[in-house]
Amino acid sequence: MLHAARVEHPPLIEQIPLLAGLSSHAHAAVAEDVKLKSVGRGTVLHSQGMPAQTVLYLMSGQIKQTICSVAGHEMVIELAFPGDMLGLAQVFSSGAPTSRAETLEESTIVEIGRDGLERAMELDVGLARRVVGALADHGASLVRDIASLKGDSSCKRALEFMQRCGRRIERADGALSLDLPIPKQLMAARIGLSPETLSRVFRDMIEGGLIEISGRQITLTARCRSLLASPEWASIVPEPIIEPLAPQRASS
């Protein structure tokens, strides 16, 4: 079930980095096209192949962005957590969106309509620059993801992903504990591995003294962190494991 309400309280817009510090006229223009929504798990926010009319800012919850093949196989291309924004590229693209956005749990989102955003950009050149910068950053991130899939070992991809999205707890012995916000199967889909391959990677890293696992908490040992920052890493995992993106549907 979905509940929507028009946002009139200015501080909400100020919480969105892209919209912070707008001129009064730009603020008024975008505020007319902003909605706050509370949605349940499994709510489709953007559909693959359908025109996107809103940019999404996630205040709480989780969203996965996926691509589905004709055969129905799902590939997770992005995971959004509180503070993330989705849909800028889709909204300003000249073609139909190629991805689908769906909530993984109960979520609170802010929808920013394309028309209001465009009006605000015309009134505030600073906003226009930030939108261009956000689009450029998104494109650069996709390039890094492709480079990682083609050139990094499965082990390194897993470690870098966990450090990016896990809640970090520094330990006195130099280790780093990470609380993963998602199941390992979904993590595997995001970094282009099958669940079986990720399980093998975890097993190899445990046996090598690089990580410790307890449920969704994964601890990078002090030795692991030291090796990640040194050229010796290549001697531990010398060859990248190249495999196609996992064809199975990712469990949410």
C-alpha atoms as a PDB file:
ATOM      1  CA  MET A   1       0.000   0.000   0.000  1.00  0.00           C
ATOM      2  CA  LEU A   2       1.316   3.445  -0.900  1.00  0.00           C
ATOM      3  CA  HIS A   3       0.628   6.757   0.841  1.00  0.00           C
ATOM      4  CA  ALA A   4       1.532  10.046  -0.832  1.00  0.00           C
ATOM      5  CA  ALA A   5       1.513  13.618   0.456  1.00  0.00           C
ATOM      6  CA  ARG A   6       2.655  16.843  -1.142  1.00  0.00           C
ATOM      7  CA  VAL A   7       5.663  18.303   0.637  1.00  0.00           C
ATOM      8  CA  GLU A   8       5.337  21.910   1.769  1.00  0.00           C
ATOM      9  CA  HIS A   9       7.886  22.029   4.582  1.00  0.00           C
ATOM     10  CA  PRO A  10      11.096  23.630   3.198  1.00  0.00           C
ATOM     11  CA  PRO A  11      13.556  21.782   5.485  1.00  0.00           C
ATOM     12  CA  LEU A  12      12.753  18.517   3.692  1.00  0.00           C
ATOM     13  CA  ILE A  13      14.057  19.873   0.389  1.00  0.00           C
ATOM     14  CA  GLU A  14      17.127  21.205   2.170  1.00  0.00           C
ATOM     15  CA  GLN A  15      17.930  17.652   3.329  1.00  0.00           C
ATOM     16  CA  ILE A  16      18.466  16.600  -0.295  1.00  0.00           C
ATOM     17  CA  PRO A  17      22.043  17.579  -1.235  1.00  0.00           C
ATOM     18  CA  LEU A  18      21.141  18.156  -4.901  1.00  0.00           C
ATOM     19  CA  LEU A  19      18.473  20.712  -3.915  1.00  0.00           C
ATOM     20  CA  ALA A  20      20.156  22.403  -0.956  1.00  0.00           C
ATOM     21  CA  GLY A  21      20.749  26.163  -1.117  1.00  0.00           C
ATOM     22  CA  LEU A  22      18.418  26.911  -4.039  1.00  0.00           C
ATOM     23  CA  SER A  23      17.364  30.445  -4.863  1.00  0.00           C
ATOM     24  CA  SER A  24      13.897  31.301  -3.571  1.00  0.00           C
ATOM     25  CA  HIS A  25      12.325  31.113  -7.049  1.00  0.00           C
ATOM     26  CA  ALA A  26      13.985  27.766  -7.848  1.00  0.00           C
ATOM     27  CA  HIS A  27      12.982  26.421  -4.437  1.00  0.00           C
ATOM     28  CA  ALA A  28       9.350  27.369  -5.055  1.00  0.00           C
ATOM     29  CA  ALA A  29       9.409  25.800  -8.518  1.00  0.00           C
ATOM     30  CA  VAL A  30      10.729  22.438  -7.404  1.00  0.00           C
ATOM     31  CA  ALA A  31       8.634  22.363  -4.214  1.00  0.00           C
ATOM     32  CA  GLU A  32       5.484  22.258  -6.351  1.00  0.00           C
ATOM     33  CA  ASP A  33       6.625  18.954  -7.835  1.00  0.00           C
ATOM     34  CA  VAL A  34       7.965  17.120  -4.774  1.00  0.00           C
ATOM     35  CA  LYS A  35       6.165  14.301  -2.960  1.00  0.00           C
ATOM     36  CA  LEU A  36       7.022  12.290   0.131  1.00  0.00           C
ATOM     37  CA  LYS A  37       6.010   8.624  -0.018  1.00  0.00           C
ATOM     38  CA  SER A  38       6.068   5.681   2.353  1.00  0.00           C
ATOM     39  CA  VAL A  39       6.069   2.439   0.386  1.00  0.00           C
ATOM     40  CA  GLY A  40       6.107  -1.245   1.246  1.00  0.00           C
ATOM     41  CA  ARG A  41       8.573  -3.938   0.305  1.00  0.00           C
ATOM     42  CA  GLY A  42       8.432  -4.952  -3.365  1.00  0.00           C
ATOM     43  CA  THR A  43       7.020  -1.636  -4.633  1.00  0.00           C
ATOM     44  CA  VAL A  44       8.084  -0.901  -8.215  1.00  0.00           C
ATOM     45  CA  LEU A  45       9.140   2.752  -8.445  1.00  0.00           C
ATOM     46  CA  HIS A  46      10.453   2.801 -12.018  1.00  0.00           C
ATOM     47  CA  SER A  47       9.511   0.177 -14.614  1.00  0.00           C
ATOM     48  CA  GLN A  48      11.874  -1.081 -17.292  1.00  0.00           C
ATOM     49  CA  GLY A  49      10.847   0.245 -20.702  1.00  0.00           C
ATOM     50  CA  MET A  50       8.468   2.892 -19.293  1.00  0.00           C
ATOM     51  CA  PRO A  51       9.294   6.638 -19.335  1.00  0.00           C
ATOM     52  CA  ALA A  52      10.619   7.876 -15.971  1.00  0.00           C
ATOM     53  CA  GLN A  53       9.013  11.084 -14.737  1.00  0.00           C
ATOM     54  CA  THR A  54      10.558  11.349 -11.266  1.00  0.00           C
ATOM     55  CA  VAL A  55      13.955  11.370  -9.588  1.00  0.00           C
ATOM     56  CA  LEU A  56      14.013   9.406  -6.330  1.00  0.00           C
ATOM     57  CA  TYR A  57      15.787  10.372  -3.108  1.00  0.00           C
ATOM     58  CA  LEU A  58      15.871   7.586  -0.528  1.00  0.00           C
ATOM     59  CA  MET A  59      15.373   8.743   3.068  1.00  0.00           C
ATOM     60  CA  SER A  60      15.039   5.285   4.638  1.00  0.00           C
ATOM     61  CA  GLY A  61      14.953   1.693   3.424  1.00  0.00           C
ATOM     62  CA  GLN A  62      16.642   0.050   0.439  1.00  0.00           C
ATOM     63  CA  ILE A  63      16.084  -0.007  -3.325  1.00  0.00           C
ATOM     64  CA  LYS A  64      17.522  -2.291  -5.974  1.00  0.00           C
ATOM     65  CA  GLN A  65      17.911  -1.251  -9.593  1.00  0.00           C
ATOM     66  CA  THR A  66      17.835  -4.162 -12.010  1.00  0.00           C
ATOM     67  CA  ILE A  67      17.832  -5.105 -15.672  1.00  0.00           C
ATOM     68  CA  CYS A  68      15.699  -8.000 -16.843  1.00  0.00           C
ATOM     69  CA  SER A  69      16.512  -9.953 -19.990  1.00  0.00           C
ATOM     70  CA  VAL A  70      13.869 -11.219 -22.401  1.00  0.00           C
ATOM     71  CA  ALA A  71      14.268 -14.636 -20.753  1.00  0.00           C
ATOM     72  CA  GLY A  72      13.402 -13.119 -17.359  1.00  0.00           C
ATOM     73  CA  HIS A  73      16.902 -13.224 -15.880  1.00  0.00           C
ATOM     74  CA  GLU A  74      17.566 -10.378 -13.458  1.00  0.00           C
ATOM     75  CA  MET A  75      20.854  -8.510 -13.071  1.00  0.00           C
ATOM     76  CA  VAL A  76      21.306  -6.133 -10.130  1.00  0.00           C
ATOM     77  CA  ILE A  77      23.139  -3.045 -11.368  1.00  0.00           C
ATOM     78  CA  GLU A  78      22.754  -0.779  -8.349  1.00  0.00           C
ATOM     79  CA  LEU A  79      21.717  -0.850  -4.695  1.00  0.00           C
ATOM     80  CA  ALA A  80      20.490   2.342  -3.032  1.00  0.00           C
ATOM     81  CA  PHE A  81      20.667   3.101   0.681  1.00  0.00           C
ATOM     82  CA  PRO A  82      19.479   6.145   2.688  1.00  0.00           C
ATOM     83  CA  GLY A  83      20.942   9.322   1.231  1.00  0.00           C
ATOM     84  CA  ASP A  84      21.221   7.912  -2.297  1.00  0.00           C
ATOM     85  CA  MET A  85      19.466   9.291  -5.358  1.00  0.00           C
ATOM     86  CA  LEU A  86      18.150   7.273  -8.285  1.00  0.00           C
ATOM     87  CA  GLY A  87      16.726   8.129 -11.672  1.00  0.00           C
ATOM     88  CA  LEU A  88      18.560  11.267 -12.816  1.00  0.00           C
ATOM     89  CA  ALA A  89      19.949   9.531 -15.887  1.00  0.00           C
ATOM     90  CA  GLN A  90      16.601   7.893 -16.654  1.00  0.00           C
ATOM     91  CA  VAL A  91      14.646  11.139 -16.327  1.00  0.00           C
ATOM     92  CA  PHE A  92      16.922  13.070 -18.679  1.00  0.00           C
ATOM     93  CA  SER A  93      17.533  10.245 -21.141  1.00  0.00           C
ATOM     94  CA  SER A  94      16.038  10.584 -24.616  1.00  0.00           C
ATOM     95  CA  GLY A  95      15.146   6.871 -24.665  1.00  0.00           C
ATOM     96  CA  ALA A  96      13.009   4.622 -22.489  1.00  0.00           C
ATOM     97  CA  PRO A  97      14.660   3.503 -19.210  1.00  0.00           C
ATOM     98  CA  THR A  98      16.439   0.165 -19.454  1.00  0.00           C
ATOM     99  CA  SER A  99      16.213  -0.591 -15.729  1.00  0.00           C
ATOM    100  CA  ARG A 100      13.657  -1.222 -12.996  1.00  0.00           C
ATOM    101  CA  ALA A 101      13.723   0.211  -9.451  1.00  0.00           C
ATOM    102  CA  GLU A 102      12.087  -1.803  -6.661  1.00  0.00           C
ATOM    103  CA  THR A 103      12.112  -1.488  -2.871  1.00  0.00           C
ATOM    104  CA  LEU A 104      13.760  -4.263  -0.859  1.00  0.00           C
ATOM    105  CA  GLU A 105      12.033  -3.251   2.371  1.00  0.00           C
ATOM    106  CA  GLU A 106       9.648  -0.630   3.690  1.00  0.00           C
ATOM    107  CA  SER A 107      11.066   2.662   2.479  1.00  0.00           C
ATOM    108  CA  THR A 108      10.513   6.398   2.656  1.00  0.00           C
ATOM    109  CA  ILE A 109      11.317   8.216  -0.546  1.00  0.00           C
ATOM    110  CA  VAL A 110      11.073  11.721  -1.946  1.00  0.00           C
ATOM    111  CA  GLU A 111       9.891  11.908  -5.536  1.00  0.00           C
ATOM    112  CA  ILE A 112      11.116  14.930  -7.491  1.00  0.00           C
ATOM    113  CA  GLY A 113       9.128  15.501 -10.682  1.00  0.00           C
ATOM    114  CA  ARG A 114      10.990  16.128 -13.905  1.00  0.00           C
ATOM    115  CA  ASP A 115       8.975  19.250 -14.762  1.00  0.00           C
ATOM    116  CA  GLY A 116       9.637  20.907 -11.410  1.00  0.00           C
ATOM    117  CA  LEU A 117      13.320  20.015 -11.550  1.00  0.00           C
ATOM    118  CA  GLU A 118      13.686  21.447 -15.051  1.00  0.00           C
ATOM    119  CA  ARG A 119      11.940  24.695 -14.027  1.00  0.00           C
ATOM    120  CA  ALA A 120      14.249  25.018 -11.031  1.00  0.00           C
ATOM    121  CA  MET A 121      17.315  24.385 -13.228  1.00  0.00           C
ATOM    122  CA  GLU A 122      16.263  27.241 -15.515  1.00  0.00           C
ATOM    123  CA  LEU A 123      15.989  29.548 -12.511  1.00  0.00           C
ATOM    124  CA  ASP A 124      19.180  28.481 -10.712  1.00  0.00           C
ATOM    125  CA  VAL A 125      22.316  27.810 -12.767  1.00  0.00           C
ATOM    126  CA  GLY A 126      23.986  26.316  -9.684  1.00  0.00           C
ATOM    127  CA  LEU A 127      21.394  23.525  -9.640  1.00  0.00           C
ATOM    128  CA  ALA A 128      21.945  22.893 -13.348  1.00  0.00           C
ATOM    129  CA  ARG A 129      25.673  22.500 -12.699  1.00  0.00           C
ATOM    130  CA  ARG A 130      25.034  20.074  -9.827  1.00  0.00           C
ATOM    131  CA  VAL A 131      22.735  17.962 -12.010  1.00  0.00           C
ATOM    132  CA  VAL A 132      25.380  17.797 -14.756  1.00  0.00           C
ATOM    133  CA  GLY A 133      27.993  16.873 -12.141  1.00  0.00           C
ATOM    134  CA  ALA A 134      25.772  14.144 -10.668  1.00  0.00           C
ATOM    135  CA  LEU A 135      25.202  12.685 -14.128  1.00  0.00           C
ATOM    136  CA  ALA A 136      28.955  12.753 -14.819  1.00  0.00           C
ATOM    137  CA  ASP A 137      29.688  11.041 -11.484  1.00  0.00           C
ATOM    138  CA  HIS A 138      27.100   8.359 -12.258  1.00  0.00           C
ATOM    139  CA  GLY A 139      28.688   7.699 -15.648  1.00  0.00           C
ATOM    140  CA  ALA A 140      32.153   7.480 -14.071  1.00  0.00           C
ATOM    141  CA  SER A 141      30.826   5.043 -11.469  1.00  0.00           C
ATOM    142  CA  LEU A 142      29.462   2.789 -14.214  1.00  0.00           C
ATOM    143  CA  VAL A 143      32.853   2.836 -15.936  1.00  0.00           C
ATOM    144  CA  ARG A 144      34.550   1.825 -12.664  1.00  0.00           C
ATOM    145  CA  ASP A 145      32.053  -1.011 -12.216  1.00  0.00           C
ATOM    146  CA  ILE A 146      32.736  -2.315 -15.724  1.00  0.00           C
ATOM    147  CA  ALA A 147      36.492  -2.066 -15.189  1.00  0.00           C
ATOM    148  CA  SER A 148      36.169  -3.939 -11.893  1.00  0.00           C
ATOM    149  CA  LEU A 149      34.084  -6.710 -13.467  1.00  0.00           C
ATOM    150  CA  LYS A 150      36.655  -7.157 -16.229  1.00  0.00           C
ATOM    151  CA  GLY A 151      39.897  -6.660 -14.337  1.00  0.00           C
ATOM    152  CA  ASP A 152      39.543  -7.366 -10.626  1.00  0.00           C
ATOM    153  CA  SER A 153      39.523 -10.719  -8.897  1.00  0.00           C
ATOM    154  CA  SER A 154      36.263 -11.891  -7.351  1.00  0.00           C
ATOM    155  CA  CYS A 155      37.947 -11.592  -3.961  1.00  0.00           C
ATOM    156  CA  LYS A 156      38.857  -7.947  -4.442  1.00  0.00           C
ATOM    157  CA  ARG A 157      35.429  -7.074  -5.837  1.00  0.00           C
ATOM    158  CA  ALA A 158      33.774  -8.602  -2.777  1.00  0.00           C
ATOM    159  CA  LEU A 159      36.063  -6.786  -0.340  1.00  0.00           C
ATOM    160  CA  GLU A 160      35.670  -3.402  -2.030  1.00  0.00           C
ATOM    161  CA  PHE A 161      31.887  -3.740  -2.197  1.00  0.00           C
ATOM    162  CA  MET A 162      31.657  -4.663   1.481  1.00  0.00           C
ATOM    163  CA  GLN A 163      33.770  -1.678   2.471  1.00  0.00           C
ATOM    164  CA  ARG A 164      31.551   0.610   0.391  1.00  0.00           C
ATOM    165  CA  CYS A 165      28.154  -0.408   1.756  1.00  0.00           C
ATOM    166  CA  GLY A 166      28.781  -2.010   5.157  1.00  0.00           C
ATOM    167  CA  ARG A 167      28.462  -0.138   8.453  1.00  0.00           C
ATOM    168  CA  ARG A 168      32.061   0.234   9.601  1.00  0.00           C
ATOM    169  CA  ILE A 169      33.275  -0.663  13.102  1.00  0.00           C
ATOM    170  CA  GLU A 170      36.993  -0.040  13.635  1.00  0.00           C
ATOM    171  CA  ARG A 171      38.594  -2.488  16.083  1.00  0.00           C
ATOM    172  CA  ALA A 172      41.531  -1.931  18.408  1.00  0.00           C
ATOM    173  CA  ASP A 173      43.548  -4.735  16.796  1.00  0.00           C
ATOM    174  CA  GLY A 174      43.484  -2.994  13.404  1.00  0.00           C
ATOM    175  CA  ALA A 175      40.672  -5.137  11.992  1.00  0.00           C
ATOM    176  CA  LEU A 176      37.516  -3.676  10.445  1.00  0.00           C
ATOM    177  CA  SER A 177      34.072  -5.161  11.106  1.00  0.00           C
ATOM    178  CA  LEU A 178      31.348  -4.504   8.543  1.00  0.00           C
ATOM    179  CA  ASP A 179      27.624  -5.014   9.101  1.00  0.00           C
ATOM    180  CA  LEU A 180      26.188  -5.819   5.674  1.00  0.00           C
ATOM    181  CA  PRO A 181      22.738  -4.303   5.081  1.00  0.00           C
ATOM    182  CA  ILE A 182      21.789  -6.937   2.470  1.00  0.00           C
ATOM    183  CA  PRO A 183      21.797 -10.755   2.152  1.00  0.00           C
ATOM    184  CA  LYS A 184      24.913 -12.331   0.658  1.00  0.00           C
ATOM    185  CA  GLN A 185      22.901 -13.627  -2.321  1.00  0.00           C
ATOM    186  CA  LEU A 186      21.939 -10.077  -3.267  1.00  0.00           C
ATOM    187  CA  MET A 187      25.528  -8.969  -2.793  1.00  0.00           C
ATOM    188  CA  ALA A 188      26.634 -11.700  -5.212  1.00  0.00           C
ATOM    189  CA  ALA A 189      24.186 -10.463  -7.839  1.00  0.00           C
ATOM    190  CA  ARG A 190      25.399  -6.872  -7.435  1.00  0.00           C
ATOM    191  CA  ILE A 191      29.076  -7.702  -8.017  1.00  0.00           C
ATOM    192  CA  GLY A 192      28.391 -10.080 -10.903  1.00  0.00           C
ATOM    193  CA  LEU A 193      28.970 -13.428  -9.199  1.00  0.00           C
ATOM    194  CA  SER A 194      26.875 -16.505  -8.643  1.00  0.00           C
ATOM    195  CA  PRO A 195      26.062 -17.261  -4.977  1.00  0.00           C
ATOM    196  CA  GLU A 196      28.212 -20.397  -5.283  1.00  0.00           C
ATOM    197  CA  THR A 197      31.230 -18.408  -6.446  1.00  0.00           C
ATOM    198  CA  LEU A 198      30.811 -15.857  -3.647  1.00  0.00           C
ATOM    199  CA  SER A 199      30.596 -18.676  -1.095  1.00  0.00           C
ATOM    200  CA  ARG A 200      33.838 -20.110  -2.487  1.00  0.00           C
ATOM    201  CA  VAL A 201      35.484 -16.679  -2.324  1.00  0.00           C
ATOM    202  CA  PHE A 202      34.447 -16.271   1.311  1.00  0.00           C
ATOM    203  CA  ARG A 203      35.718 -19.759   2.141  1.00  0.00           C
ATOM    204  CA  ASP A 204      39.089 -19.056   0.519  1.00  0.00           C
ATOM    205  CA  MET A 205      39.430 -15.745   2.364  1.00  0.00           C
ATOM    206  CA  ILE A 206      38.535 -17.352   5.712  1.00  0.00           C
ATOM    207  CA  GLU A 207      41.108 -20.105   5.165  1.00  0.00           C
ATOM    208  CA  GLY A 208      43.672 -17.459   4.195  1.00  0.00           C
ATOM    209  CA  GLY A 209      43.095 -15.517   7.406  1.00  0.00           C
ATOM    210  CA  LEU A 210      41.713 -12.489   5.551  1.00  0.00           C
ATOM    211  CA  ILE A 211      38.182 -12.352   6.916  1.00  0.00           C
ATOM    212  CA  GLU A 212      35.955 -13.690   9.691  1.00  0.00           C
ATOM    213  CA  ILE A 213      32.188 -14.119   9.262  1.00  0.00           C
ATOM    214  CA  SER A 214      29.383 -14.102  11.808  1.00  0.00           C
ATOM    215  CA  GLY A 215      25.962 -13.811  10.159  1.00  0.00           C
ATOM    216  CA  ARG A 216      25.918 -10.566   8.182  1.00  0.00           C
ATOM    217  CA  GLN A 217      28.927  -9.188  10.070  1.00  0.00           C
ATOM    218  CA  ILE A 218      32.155  -9.677   8.145  1.00  0.00           C
ATOM    219  CA  THR A 219      35.455  -8.680   9.703  1.00  0.00           C
ATOM    220  CA  LEU A 220      38.460  -7.780   7.583  1.00  0.00           C
ATOM    221  CA  THR A 221      41.510  -8.793   9.592  1.00  0.00           C
ATOM    222  CA  ALA A 222      44.417  -6.412  10.122  1.00  0.00           C
ATOM    223  CA  ARG A 223      46.458  -8.583   7.734  1.00  0.00           C
ATOM    224  CA  CYS A 224      43.789  -8.273   5.051  1.00  0.00           C
ATOM    225  CA  ARG A 225      43.648  -4.480   5.343  1.00  0.00           C
ATOM    226  CA  SER A 226      47.408  -4.230   5.193  1.00  0.00           C
ATOM    227  CA  LEU A 227      47.619  -6.447   2.107  1.00  0.00           C
ATOM    228  CA  LEU A 228      44.841  -4.552   0.303  1.00  0.00           C
ATOM    229  CA  ALA A 229      46.972  -1.418   0.516  1.00  0.00           C
ATOM    230  CA  SER A 230      50.146  -3.092  -0.750  1.00  0.00           C
ATOM    231  CA  PRO A 231      51.423  -4.529  -4.048  1.00  0.00           C
ATOM    232  CA  GLU A 232      51.522  -7.955  -2.376  1.00  0.00           C
ATOM    233  CA  TRP A 233      47.784  -8.274  -2.978  1.00  0.00           C
ATOM    234  CA  ALA A 234      48.377  -9.361  -6.584  1.00  0.00           C
ATOM    235  CA  SER A 235      50.507 -12.275  -5.411  1.00  0.00           C
ATOM    236  CA  ILE A 236      47.637 -13.558  -3.256  1.00  0.00           C
ATOM    237  CA  VAL A 237      44.967 -13.387  -5.967  1.00  0.00           C
ATOM    238  CA  PRO A 238      47.004 -13.137  -9.188  1.00  0.00           C
ATOM    239  CA  GLU A 239      44.285 -13.879 -11.741  1.00  0.00           C
ATOM    240  CA  PRO A 240      40.892 -12.191 -12.020  1.00  0.00           C
ATOM    241  CA  ILE A 241      37.967 -14.593 -12.075  1.00  0.00           C
ATOM    242  CA  ILE A 242      35.925 -13.584 -15.099  1.00  0.00           C
ATOM    243  CA  GLU A 243      32.425 -14.959 -15.272  1.00  0.00           C
ATOM    244  CA  PRO A 244      29.159 -13.651 -16.720  1.00  0.00           C
ATOM    245  CA  LEU A 245      26.739 -11.832 -14.490  1.00  0.00           C
ATOM    246  CA  ALA A 246      24.788 -14.381 -12.493  1.00  0.00           C
ATOM    247  CA  PRO A 247      21.759 -15.374 -14.604  1.00  0.00           C
ATOM    248  CA  GLN A 248      19.571 -16.487 -11.695  1.00  0.00           C
ATOM    249  CA  ARG A 249      17.013 -14.134 -10.194  1.00  0.00           C
ATOM    250  CA  ALA A 250      18.394 -12.314  -7.186  1.00  0.00           C
ATOM    251  CA  SER A 251      16.560 -13.024  -3.974  1.00  0.00           C
ATOM    252  CA  SER A 252      15.498  -9.921  -2.100  1.00  0.00           C
END
